[in-house]
Amino acid sequence: MNTVLSRANSLFAFSLSVMAALTFGCFLTTAFKDRSVLANINVSKVMLKNVEDFTSTRERSDLGFINFDIEVDLEPIFDWNVKQLFIYLSAEYTTPSNTLNQVVLWDKIVLRGYNNKLTLRDLKSKYFFFDDGNGLKGNKNITLTLSWNVIPNAGLLPLVTGEGHISVPFPDAYEMARSY
C-alpha cells in the first residue's frame, strides 16, 4: 500500500513535469519572433585626445569622446515573455594592428511597463573610448550600432542588433582643450 510520502512524491513529480512542459510551450510561442527594430543614431560632436595610458607601458593612446542622440521604439519587442532589455551602443572599427575593434560606449536597462519609446538627446559616452595606440586619429569608418539583449521569463537570451547604424569619421588632429 502507498504511504502518504510516496503519494506526495508522485504528485510533486507529476506537477513538476507538467510545469516544465508548460514552460517549454510558453517558450515556443515567442522563440521565433523577430526582435529587431529600426534605431536612429545621430552624432553631434566628436572629439579626440592623445593621453597617457596608465594601464600598460605608459605610451600615449587615443581617447575618443562622442555626443550622440538615440531614437528607437522598443514597443514591438516587448510581449508577455520579455522581462527587460539590456540595450547598448557599441563602436566597431579596424586599425592596422587589429582587424576588428569593438568598444561599448553606453548602455541602459529598459524594463517592461515603462516608457519603451526612447528619445535620448545629447548623450555622452558612459565608458571610455580608448584605443590601444593611435587607431582613432583620422579613422574614417567607425560604425556605431545599437544592440540589445532580450531577458525573457522563459527561454533563450537572444542578442539582437538594431536595424540602423551610423559611420562616423574621426578628426585628423587632436584636441588640446582640457574640457569636454
C-alpha atoms as a PDB file:
ATOM      1  CA  MET A   1       0.000   0.000   0.000  1.00  0.00           C
ATOM      2  CA  ASN A   2       1.244   3.516  -0.800  1.00  0.00           C
ATOM      3  CA  THR A   3       2.211   5.790   2.030  1.00  0.00           C
ATOM      4  CA  VAL A   4       1.426   9.485   2.222  1.00  0.00           C
ATOM      5  CA  LEU A   5       5.027  10.357   1.397  1.00  0.00           C
ATOM      6  CA  SER A   6       5.131   8.240  -1.762  1.00  0.00           C
ATOM      7  CA  ARG A   7       1.807   9.732  -2.918  1.00  0.00           C
ATOM      8  CA  ALA A   8       3.116  13.247  -2.247  1.00  0.00           C
ATOM      9  CA  ASN A   9       6.297  12.415  -4.146  1.00  0.00           C
ATOM     10  CA  SER A  10       4.290  11.172  -7.145  1.00  0.00           C
ATOM     11  CA  LEU A  11       2.074  14.253  -7.087  1.00  0.00           C
ATOM     12  CA  PHE A  12       5.116  16.556  -6.849  1.00  0.00           C
ATOM     13  CA  ALA A  13       6.933  14.772  -9.722  1.00  0.00           C
ATOM     14  CA  PHE A  14       3.825  14.907 -11.929  1.00  0.00           C
ATOM     15  CA  SER A  15       3.282  18.624 -11.142  1.00  0.00           C
ATOM     16  CA  LEU A  16       6.908  19.403 -11.920  1.00  0.00           C
ATOM     17  CA  SER A  17       6.673  17.568 -15.254  1.00  0.00           C
ATOM     18  CA  VAL A  18       3.501  19.486 -16.179  1.00  0.00           C
ATOM     19  CA  MET A  19       5.126  22.827 -15.229  1.00  0.00           C
ATOM     20  CA  ALA A  20       8.213  22.007 -17.318  1.00  0.00           C
ATOM     21  CA  ALA A  21       6.023  21.137 -20.325  1.00  0.00           C
ATOM     22  CA  LEU A  22       4.009  24.359 -19.913  1.00  0.00           C
ATOM     23  CA  THR A  23       7.180  26.446 -19.626  1.00  0.00           C
ATOM     24  CA  PHE A  24       8.567  24.872 -22.781  1.00  0.00           C
ATOM     25  CA  GLY A  25       5.269  25.523 -24.574  1.00  0.00           C
ATOM     26  CA  CYS A  26       5.356  29.155 -23.464  1.00  0.00           C
ATOM     27  CA  PHE A  27       8.926  29.449 -24.731  1.00  0.00           C
ATOM     28  CA  LEU A  28       7.895  28.085 -28.147  1.00  0.00           C
ATOM     29  CA  THR A  29       5.219  30.794 -28.570  1.00  0.00           C
ATOM     30  CA  THR A  30       7.903  33.535 -28.728  1.00  0.00           C
ATOM     31  CA  ALA A  31      11.061  31.639 -29.722  1.00  0.00           C
ATOM     32  CA  PHE A  32      10.974  32.552 -33.407  1.00  0.00           C
ATOM     33  CA  LYS A  33       9.764  36.146 -33.104  1.00  0.00           C
ATOM     34  CA  ASP A  34      11.806  38.807 -34.910  1.00  0.00           C
ATOM     35  CA  ARG A  35      13.080  41.183 -32.235  1.00  0.00           C
ATOM     36  CA  SER A  36      14.855  43.766 -34.390  1.00  0.00           C
ATOM     37  CA  VAL A  37      13.543  47.315 -34.822  1.00  0.00           C
ATOM     38  CA  LEU A  38      14.846  50.458 -36.500  1.00  0.00           C
ATOM     39  CA  ALA A  39      17.210  52.517 -34.355  1.00  0.00           C
ATOM     40  CA  ASN A  40      18.129  56.088 -35.320  1.00  0.00           C
ATOM     41  CA  ILE A  41      21.542  57.232 -34.115  1.00  0.00           C
ATOM     42  CA  ASN A  42      22.837  60.751 -34.743  1.00  0.00           C
ATOM     43  CA  VAL A  43      26.245  62.054 -33.716  1.00  0.00           C
ATOM     44  CA  SER A  44      26.503  65.725 -32.802  1.00  0.00           C
ATOM     45  CA  LYS A  45      30.103  66.021 -31.596  1.00  0.00           C
ATOM     46  CA  VAL A  46      33.301  64.015 -31.991  1.00  0.00           C
ATOM     47  CA  MET A  47      36.462  64.875 -30.088  1.00  0.00           C
ATOM     48  CA  LEU A  48      39.828  63.129 -29.987  1.00  0.00           C
ATOM     49  CA  LYS A  49      42.632  63.425 -27.453  1.00  0.00           C
ATOM     50  CA  ASN A  50      46.010  61.758 -27.146  1.00  0.00           C
ATOM     51  CA  VAL A  51      46.524  60.828 -23.497  1.00  0.00           C
ATOM     52  CA  GLU A  52      48.970  58.783 -21.495  1.00  0.00           C
ATOM     53  CA  ASP A  53      47.790  55.211 -20.973  1.00  0.00           C
ATOM     54  CA  PHE A  54      48.347  54.386 -17.306  1.00  0.00           C
ATOM     55  CA  THR A  55      47.279  50.751 -17.637  1.00  0.00           C
ATOM     56  CA  SER A  56      50.247  49.421 -19.591  1.00  0.00           C
ATOM     57  CA  THR A  57      53.548  50.677 -20.952  1.00  0.00           C
ATOM     58  CA  ARG A  58      52.920  54.391 -20.358  1.00  0.00           C
ATOM     59  CA  GLU A  59      52.681  55.041 -24.083  1.00  0.00           C
ATOM     60  CA  ARG A  60      50.218  57.563 -25.409  1.00  0.00           C
ATOM     61  CA  SER A  61      46.883  56.300 -26.724  1.00  0.00           C
ATOM     62  CA  ASP A  62      43.861  57.786 -28.438  1.00  0.00           C
ATOM     63  CA  LEU A  63      40.828  58.675 -26.327  1.00  0.00           C
ATOM     64  CA  GLY A  64      37.618  59.492 -28.184  1.00  0.00           C
ATOM     65  CA  PHE A  65      34.612  61.451 -26.956  1.00  0.00           C
ATOM     66  CA  ILE A  66      31.255  61.260 -28.724  1.00  0.00           C
ATOM     67  CA  ASN A  67      27.979  63.127 -28.149  1.00  0.00           C
ATOM     68  CA  PHE A  68      25.043  61.322 -29.718  1.00  0.00           C
ATOM     69  CA  ASP A  69      21.252  61.078 -29.933  1.00  0.00           C
ATOM     70  CA  ILE A  70      19.265  57.834 -29.921  1.00  0.00           C
ATOM     71  CA  GLU A  71      15.685  57.404 -31.059  1.00  0.00           C
ATOM     72  CA  VAL A  72      14.162  53.916 -31.011  1.00  0.00           C
ATOM     73  CA  ASP A  73      10.724  52.416 -30.437  1.00  0.00           C
ATOM     74  CA  LEU A  74      11.186  49.208 -28.428  1.00  0.00           C
ATOM     75  CA  GLU A  75       7.440  48.571 -28.007  1.00  0.00           C
ATOM     76  CA  PRO A  76       7.236  45.810 -30.688  1.00  0.00           C
ATOM     77  CA  ILE A  77       9.905  43.800 -28.865  1.00  0.00           C
ATOM     78  CA  PHE A  78       8.007  43.597 -25.580  1.00  0.00           C
ATOM     79  CA  ASP A  79       5.488  40.794 -25.201  1.00  0.00           C
ATOM     80  CA  TRP A  80       4.396  38.650 -22.286  1.00  0.00           C
ATOM     81  CA  ASN A  81       7.700  36.722 -22.291  1.00  0.00           C
ATOM     82  CA  VAL A  82      10.073  39.728 -22.177  1.00  0.00           C
ATOM     83  CA  LYS A  83      11.061  40.862 -18.711  1.00  0.00           C
ATOM     84  CA  GLN A  84      13.572  43.565 -19.681  1.00  0.00           C
ATOM     85  CA  LEU A  85      16.058  44.685 -22.325  1.00  0.00           C
ATOM     86  CA  PHE A  86      19.720  45.493 -21.871  1.00  0.00           C
ATOM     87  CA  ILE A  87      20.484  47.960 -24.668  1.00  0.00           C
ATOM     88  CA  TYR A  88      23.957  49.193 -25.529  1.00  0.00           C
ATOM     89  CA  LEU A  89      25.707  51.336 -28.117  1.00  0.00           C
ATOM     90  CA  SER A  90      28.931  49.923 -29.493  1.00  0.00           C
ATOM     91  CA  ALA A  91      31.624  51.262 -31.797  1.00  0.00           C
ATOM     92  CA  GLU A  92      33.284  48.953 -34.300  1.00  0.00           C
ATOM     93  CA  TYR A  93      36.347  49.835 -36.351  1.00  0.00           C
ATOM     94  CA  THR A  94      39.547  48.470 -37.849  1.00  0.00           C
ATOM     95  CA  THR A  95      43.149  49.576 -37.319  1.00  0.00           C
ATOM     96  CA  PRO A  96      46.429  48.445 -38.861  1.00  0.00           C
ATOM     97  CA  SER A  97      47.266  46.457 -35.715  1.00  0.00           C
ATOM     98  CA  ASN A  98      43.776  44.911 -35.164  1.00  0.00           C
ATOM     99  CA  THR A  99      41.326  43.764 -37.813  1.00  0.00           C
ATOM    100  CA  LEU A 100      38.330  44.176 -35.500  1.00  0.00           C
ATOM    101  CA  ASN A 101      37.906  46.508 -32.528  1.00  0.00           C
ATOM    102  CA  GLN A 102      34.643  46.662 -30.589  1.00  0.00           C
ATOM    103  CA  VAL A 103      34.014  49.096 -27.737  1.00  0.00           C
ATOM    104  CA  VAL A 104      30.808  49.549 -25.726  1.00  0.00           C
ATOM    105  CA  LEU A 105      30.216  53.268 -25.259  1.00  0.00           C
ATOM    106  CA  TRP A 106      26.847  53.437 -23.487  1.00  0.00           C
ATOM    107  CA  ASP A 107      24.207  51.114 -22.005  1.00  0.00           C
ATOM    108  CA  LYS A 108      20.792  51.177 -20.354  1.00  0.00           C
ATOM    109  CA  ILE A 109      18.302  48.694 -18.883  1.00  0.00           C
ATOM    110  CA  VAL A 110      14.716  49.104 -20.122  1.00  0.00           C
ATOM    111  CA  LEU A 111      12.059  47.382 -18.002  1.00  0.00           C
ATOM    112  CA  ARG A 112       8.694  46.136 -19.231  1.00  0.00           C
ATOM    113  CA  GLY A 113       5.873  48.530 -18.441  1.00  0.00           C
ATOM    114  CA  TYR A 114       7.967  51.691 -18.562  1.00  0.00           C
ATOM    115  CA  ASN A 115       8.484  54.127 -21.432  1.00  0.00           C
ATOM    116  CA  ASN A 116       9.582  51.894 -24.307  1.00  0.00           C
ATOM    117  CA  LYS A 117       9.880  54.696 -26.870  1.00  0.00           C
ATOM    118  CA  LEU A 118      13.321  56.120 -26.212  1.00  0.00           C
ATOM    119  CA  THR A 119      14.188  59.602 -27.422  1.00  0.00           C
ATOM    120  CA  LEU A 120      17.507  60.448 -25.798  1.00  0.00           C
ATOM    121  CA  ARG A 121      19.302  63.651 -26.752  1.00  0.00           C
ATOM    122  CA  ASP A 122      22.877  64.853 -26.298  1.00  0.00           C
ATOM    123  CA  LEU A 123      24.182  61.752 -24.536  1.00  0.00           C
ATOM    124  CA  LYS A 124      27.860  61.348 -23.784  1.00  0.00           C
ATOM    125  CA  SER A 125      29.820  58.128 -23.724  1.00  0.00           C
ATOM    126  CA  LYS A 126      29.277  56.322 -20.438  1.00  0.00           C
ATOM    127  CA  TYR A 127      32.531  54.393 -20.804  1.00  0.00           C
ATOM    128  CA  PHE A 128      35.965  55.468 -22.027  1.00  0.00           C
ATOM    129  CA  PHE A 129      36.573  55.104 -25.753  1.00  0.00           C
ATOM    130  CA  PHE A 130      40.265  54.127 -25.635  1.00  0.00           C
ATOM    131  CA  ASP A 131      42.245  52.681 -28.497  1.00  0.00           C
ATOM    132  CA  ASP A 132      45.416  50.725 -27.731  1.00  0.00           C
ATOM    133  CA  GLY A 133      47.515  53.007 -29.898  1.00  0.00           C
ATOM    134  CA  ASN A 134      46.685  55.725 -32.403  1.00  0.00           C
ATOM    135  CA  GLY A 135      43.973  53.933 -34.370  1.00  0.00           C
ATOM    136  CA  LEU A 136      41.249  56.543 -33.863  1.00  0.00           C
ATOM    137  CA  LYS A 137      43.125  59.506 -35.348  1.00  0.00           C
ATOM    138  CA  GLY A 138      41.937  60.012 -38.912  1.00  0.00           C
ATOM    139  CA  ASN A 139      39.864  56.816 -38.915  1.00  0.00           C
ATOM    140  CA  LYS A 140      37.017  57.445 -41.362  1.00  0.00           C
ATOM    141  CA  ASN A 141      34.927  54.349 -40.681  1.00  0.00           C
ATOM    142  CA  ILE A 142      33.921  53.975 -37.035  1.00  0.00           C
ATOM    143  CA  THR A 143      30.481  52.359 -37.040  1.00  0.00           C
ATOM    144  CA  LEU A 144      28.069  52.963 -34.140  1.00  0.00           C
ATOM    145  CA  THR A 145      25.418  50.274 -33.649  1.00  0.00           C
ATOM    146  CA  LEU A 146      22.615  49.930 -31.101  1.00  0.00           C
ATOM    147  CA  SER A 147      22.111  46.346 -29.893  1.00  0.00           C
ATOM    148  CA  TRP A 148      20.201  44.675 -27.080  1.00  0.00           C
ATOM    149  CA  ASN A 149      19.930  41.504 -25.066  1.00  0.00           C
ATOM    150  CA  VAL A 150      16.374  40.295 -24.519  1.00  0.00           C
ATOM    151  CA  ILE A 151      15.861  38.994 -20.979  1.00  0.00           C
ATOM    152  CA  PRO A 152      12.835  36.624 -21.159  1.00  0.00           C
ATOM    153  CA  ASN A 153      10.747  34.996 -18.449  1.00  0.00           C
ATOM    154  CA  ALA A 154      11.451  31.594 -20.027  1.00  0.00           C
ATOM    155  CA  GLY A 155      13.740  30.621 -22.876  1.00  0.00           C
ATOM    156  CA  LEU A 156      16.870  31.724 -24.656  1.00  0.00           C
ATOM    157  CA  LEU A 157      18.668  35.051 -24.200  1.00  0.00           C
ATOM    158  CA  PRO A 158      18.886  36.412 -27.759  1.00  0.00           C
ATOM    159  CA  LEU A 159      21.404  39.080 -28.739  1.00  0.00           C
ATOM    160  CA  VAL A 160      19.818  41.401 -31.320  1.00  0.00           C
ATOM    161  CA  THR A 161      21.430  44.108 -33.453  1.00  0.00           C
ATOM    162  CA  GLY A 162      19.204  47.026 -34.350  1.00  0.00           C
ATOM    163  CA  GLU A 163      18.371  47.922 -37.934  1.00  0.00           C
ATOM    164  CA  GLY A 164      20.265  51.143 -38.319  1.00  0.00           C
ATOM    165  CA  HIS A 165      23.815  52.218 -37.726  1.00  0.00           C
ATOM    166  CA  ILE A 166      25.949  55.227 -38.482  1.00  0.00           C
ATOM    167  CA  SER A 167      29.549  55.562 -39.646  1.00  0.00           C
ATOM    168  CA  VAL A 168      31.449  58.395 -38.010  1.00  0.00           C
ATOM    169  CA  PRO A 169      34.739  59.843 -39.235  1.00  0.00           C
ATOM    170  CA  PHE A 170      37.180  60.829 -36.514  1.00  0.00           C
ATOM    171  CA  PRO A 171      39.248  64.025 -36.815  1.00  0.00           C
ATOM    172  CA  ASP A 172      42.765  64.110 -38.206  1.00  0.00           C
ATOM    173  CA  ALA A 173      44.044  66.274 -35.328  1.00  0.00           C
ATOM    174  CA  TYR A 174      43.942  66.013 -31.552  1.00  0.00           C
ATOM    175  CA  GLU A 175      42.051  68.461 -29.310  1.00  0.00           C
ATOM    176  CA  MET A 176      44.242  70.374 -26.895  1.00  0.00           C
ATOM    177  CA  ALA A 177      41.424  71.773 -24.724  1.00  0.00           C
ATOM    178  CA  ARG A 178      41.059  70.369 -21.212  1.00  0.00           C
ATOM    179  CA  SER A 179      37.254  70.342 -21.085  1.00  0.00           C
ATOM    180  CA  TYR A 180      34.851  68.012 -22.790  1.00  0.00           C
END
